[in-house]
Amino acid sequence: MSWSNEQMADEIIRFFKPHSSVNLGIGMPTIIAERIPAKLNIMIHSENGVLGVSGRPKKENVSPTLINAGKETIAIGAGASYFDSALSFGMIRGGHIDYCVLGGMEVDAERSLANWMVPGKKVTGMGGAMDLVNGSKQVIIMMNHFSKDGIAKLLKKCVLPLTGKEVVDIVVTEFGIFKPTGTQFKIIKLANGISISDLKIEENLLEKDQK
């Protein structure tokens, strides 16, 4: 059985150390905000100017001016702060974000990420991804294992334009947790019932002790 998005989120949360700062990209990663245990005391950073995001707001507390990078309404925790984009990106570029979790279109064995555009299709912008993958202390990618065409997104080398080169630390898909090593992918954990053959990854891209 493959993991649900919620289970993927929980696997990612296990990487977070208490009292860390975390930035969550648009799409799948946003679900993480509402599943982080309070005891971890995680400060969630949003590049549009908030430090201290606390999941989803209750209906009576929804504010159109409190949103994340994906334009979704957010709740704010005690001790949160607000700032302009210049300071927000200064925090990212200055290496003050411990973890960022981003979606992905492709990740390759060289640790590179493609997640911002498909040539020939409309581009809405790259957001803060290019800054985040270079400024965050650890980069985690949360994505579906296969593309809409049924092709595994873990590749020897990315085909799509890169968001960042040699930046990815961990990849979590519904099939498992993988670590690109520079030449191959190390399997950290597989979802229950998932076998090596289910991954549809070239055999020579998996570390020999994982075959």
Protein backbone atom coordinates (compact mmCIF):
# COMPACT_ATOMS: atom_id res chain seq x y z
CA MET A 1 0.00 0.00 0.00
CA SER A 2 1.34 3.44 -0.89
CA TRP A 3 1.26 6.27 1.64
CA SER A 4 -1.47 8.90 1.66
CA ASN A 5 -0.48 12.57 1.57
CA GLU A 6 -1.05 12.69 5.33
CA GLN A 7 1.28 9.74 5.90
CA MET A 8 3.91 11.34 3.69
CA ALA A 9 3.60 14.51 5.73
CA ASP A 10 4.08 12.58 8.97
CA GLU A 11 7.21 10.91 7.59
CA ILE A 12 8.64 14.33 6.75
CA ILE A 13 7.81 15.75 10.17
CA ARG A 14 10.00 13.04 11.72
CA PHE A 15 13.01 14.78 10.14
CA PHE A 16 12.28 18.05 11.95
CA LYS A 17 14.25 18.79 15.10
CA PRO A 18 12.41 20.66 17.90
CA HIS A 19 12.51 24.48 17.80
CA SER A 20 13.38 24.55 14.09
CA SER A 21 12.26 26.96 11.36
CA VAL A 22 10.48 25.41 8.38
CA ASN A 23 9.29 26.78 5.04
CA LEU A 24 6.55 24.87 3.21
CA GLY A 25 6.12 25.16 -0.55
CA ILE A 26 2.78 25.37 -2.32
CA GLY A 27 0.78 22.23 -3.11
CA MET A 28 1.33 19.00 -1.20
CA PRO A 29 3.72 20.40 1.45
CA THR A 30 1.09 22.78 2.88
CA ILE A 31 -0.66 19.85 4.59
CA ILE A 32 2.35 19.54 6.90
CA ALA A 33 1.45 22.75 8.76
CA GLU A 34 -1.67 21.27 10.31
CA ARG A 35 0.01 18.00 11.37
CA ILE A 36 3.10 19.21 13.24
CA PRO A 37 2.84 18.27 16.94
CA ALA A 38 2.77 21.35 19.17
CA LYS A 39 5.50 19.85 21.36
CA LEU A 40 8.04 20.30 18.53
CA ASN A 41 7.59 24.07 18.75
CA ILE A 42 8.25 24.51 15.03
CA MET A 43 8.20 28.04 13.58
CA ILE A 44 6.76 27.94 10.05
CA HIS A 45 8.11 30.62 7.72
CA SER A 46 6.21 31.92 4.69
CA GLU A 47 8.22 33.96 2.20
CA ASN A 48 5.40 36.47 1.81
CA GLY A 49 6.20 37.80 5.28
CA VAL A 50 5.14 35.60 8.21
CA LEU A 51 7.09 33.60 10.78
CA GLY A 52 4.82 31.53 13.01
CA VAL A 53 2.19 29.99 10.71
CA SER A 54 0.02 27.56 12.68
CA GLY A 55 -2.02 25.41 10.31
CA ARG A 56 -5.51 26.24 9.04
CA PRO A 57 -7.72 28.92 10.60
CA LYS A 58 -11.13 28.23 12.11
CA LYS A 59 -14.05 29.59 10.11
CA GLU A 60 -14.63 32.47 12.50
CA ASN A 61 -10.95 33.50 12.36
CA VAL A 62 -10.37 33.49 8.60
CA SER A 63 -8.69 36.66 7.32
CA PRO A 64 -8.13 37.44 3.62
CA THR A 65 -4.88 39.22 4.56
CA LEU A 66 -3.34 36.18 6.27
CA ILE A 67 -2.23 33.81 3.51
CA ASN A 68 0.67 31.52 2.66
CA ALA A 69 2.70 31.43 -0.56
CA GLY A 70 -0.07 29.36 -2.19
CA LYS A 71 -2.68 32.06 -1.37
CA GLU A 72 -4.35 29.74 1.17
CA THR A 73 -5.66 31.28 4.38
CA ILE A 74 -3.57 30.47 7.44
CA ALA A 75 -3.72 30.62 11.22
CA ILE A 76 -1.05 32.37 13.26
CA GLY A 77 0.51 31.01 16.45
CA ALA A 78 1.60 32.82 19.59
CA GLY A 79 4.79 34.79 19.11
CA ALA A 80 4.38 35.11 15.32
CA SER A 81 5.93 38.06 13.51
CA TYR A 82 5.31 39.90 10.26
CA PHE A 83 7.81 41.52 7.91
CA ASP A 84 8.28 42.64 4.32
CA SER A 85 9.54 40.50 1.46
CA ALA A 86 13.04 41.95 1.60
CA LEU A 87 13.52 40.79 5.20
CA SER A 88 11.79 37.48 4.46
CA PHE A 89 14.16 36.65 1.62
CA GLY A 90 17.06 37.94 3.70
CA MET A 91 16.19 35.24 6.23
CA ILE A 92 16.20 32.61 3.47
CA ARG A 93 19.36 33.77 1.71
CA GLY A 94 21.12 34.29 5.03
CA GLY A 95 20.77 30.60 5.92
CA HIS A 96 18.29 31.09 8.78
CA ILE A 97 15.70 28.52 7.59
CA ASP A 98 16.42 25.03 8.92
CA TYR A 99 14.19 23.03 6.55
CA CYS A 100 12.25 23.72 3.39
CA VAL A 101 9.76 21.23 1.96
CA LEU A 102 8.95 21.71 -1.72
CA GLY A 103 6.98 19.89 -4.38
CA GLY A 104 8.86 18.49 -7.35
CA MET A 105 8.49 17.55 -11.00
CA GLU A 106 11.85 15.74 -11.19
CA VAL A 107 14.74 14.94 -8.85
CA ASP A 108 17.91 13.33 -10.11
CA ALA A 109 20.66 11.23 -8.57
CA GLU A 110 22.95 14.26 -8.70
CA ARG A 111 20.66 15.88 -6.09
CA SER A 112 19.24 18.42 -8.54
CA LEU A 113 15.60 19.57 -8.56
CA ALA A 114 13.23 20.67 -11.32
CA ASN A 115 9.94 22.04 -10.06
CA TRP A 116 9.12 25.40 -11.58
CA MET A 117 8.34 25.09 -15.28
CA VAL A 118 7.57 22.83 -18.22
CA PRO A 119 8.85 24.30 -21.52
CA GLY A 120 5.99 25.38 -23.77
CA LYS A 121 3.48 25.68 -20.93
CA LYS A 122 2.36 28.78 -19.06
CA VAL A 123 4.75 29.84 -16.33
CA THR A 124 3.17 31.62 -13.35
CA GLY A 125 6.52 32.29 -11.68
CA MET A 126 9.15 30.48 -9.66
CA GLY A 127 8.22 31.99 -6.32
CA GLY A 128 10.91 31.60 -3.69
CA ALA A 129 11.98 28.07 -4.65
CA MET A 130 15.34 29.00 -6.17
CA ASP A 131 16.26 30.95 -3.05
CA LEU A 132 14.95 28.27 -0.69
CA VAL A 133 16.88 25.36 -2.22
CA ASN A 134 20.12 27.30 -1.89
CA GLY A 135 19.49 29.05 1.42
CA SER A 136 17.82 26.38 3.56
CA LYS A 137 19.96 24.09 5.67
CA GLN A 138 18.06 20.99 4.53
CA VAL A 139 15.90 20.56 1.42
CA ILE A 140 13.16 17.92 1.43
CA ILE A 141 11.06 17.18 -1.66
CA MET A 142 7.49 15.90 -1.26
CA MET A 143 6.01 14.67 -4.53
CA ASN A 144 4.11 11.93 -6.30
CA HIS A 145 6.36 9.09 -7.39
CA PHE A 146 5.16 9.10 -11.01
CA SER A 147 4.31 11.80 -13.53
CA LYS A 148 0.90 11.91 -15.20
CA ASP A 149 2.48 9.83 -17.98
CA GLY A 150 3.41 7.08 -15.51
CA ILE A 151 7.15 7.83 -15.55
CA ALA A 152 9.12 7.76 -12.30
CA LYS A 153 10.23 11.24 -11.24
CA LEU A 154 13.49 9.96 -9.75
CA LEU A 155 15.92 10.15 -12.66
CA LYS A 156 19.59 9.83 -13.49
CA LYS A 157 19.52 13.44 -14.67
CA CYS A 158 16.68 15.96 -14.76
CA VAL A 159 15.22 16.75 -18.17
CA LEU A 160 13.23 19.84 -17.17
CA PRO A 161 14.86 23.21 -16.38
CA LEU A 162 16.49 23.12 -12.95
CA THR A 163 15.32 24.96 -9.88
CA GLY A 164 18.58 24.13 -8.13
CA LYS A 165 21.68 22.04 -8.81
CA GLU A 166 22.95 19.55 -6.21
CA VAL A 167 20.61 20.84 -3.51
CA VAL A 168 18.22 18.01 -2.54
CA ASP A 169 18.79 16.11 0.71
CA ILE A 170 15.70 13.87 0.96
CA VAL A 171 12.81 12.89 -1.33
CA VAL A 172 9.52 11.57 0.04
CA THR A 173 6.97 10.03 -2.31
CA GLU A 174 3.94 7.85 -1.65
CA PHE A 175 6.25 4.85 -2.18
CA GLY A 176 9.01 5.71 0.26
CA ILE A 177 11.88 7.90 1.40
CA PHE A 178 14.94 8.31 -0.82
CA LYS A 179 18.29 10.06 -0.51
CA PRO A 180 20.12 11.09 -3.69
CA THR A 181 23.84 10.48 -3.17
CA GLY A 182 25.30 12.15 -6.27
CA THR A 183 25.29 9.04 -8.43
CA GLN A 184 22.38 6.92 -7.11
CA PHE A 185 19.38 6.89 -4.80
CA LYS A 186 19.63 5.32 -1.37
CA ILE A 187 16.37 3.84 -0.11
CA ILE A 188 15.82 5.05 3.44
CA LYS A 189 12.37 3.49 3.86
CA LEU A 190 9.65 1.94 1.69
CA ALA A 191 5.92 2.12 2.36
CA ASN A 192 4.41 -1.14 3.57
CA GLY A 193 3.76 -3.50 0.65
CA ILE A 194 5.98 -1.58 -1.79
CA SER A 195 8.80 -3.53 -3.45
CA ILE A 196 11.86 -2.41 -5.41
CA SER A 197 10.17 -3.34 -8.68
CA ASP A 198 7.24 -1.03 -7.91
CA LEU A 199 9.57 1.96 -7.97
CA LYS A 200 10.21 1.71 -11.75
CA ILE A 201 13.63 3.26 -11.23
CA GLU A 202 16.61 2.15 -13.33
CA GLU A 203 18.37 -0.63 -11.42
CA ASN A 204 21.75 1.05 -11.66
CA LEU A 205 20.33 4.14 -9.95
CA LEU A 206 19.70 2.28 -6.70
CA GLU A 207 22.55 1.70 -4.27
CA LYS A 208 23.85 -1.85 -4.61
CA ASP A 209 23.04 -2.77 -0.99
CA GLN A 210 19.42 -1.83 -1.65
CA LYS A 211 18.83 -4.19 -4.61
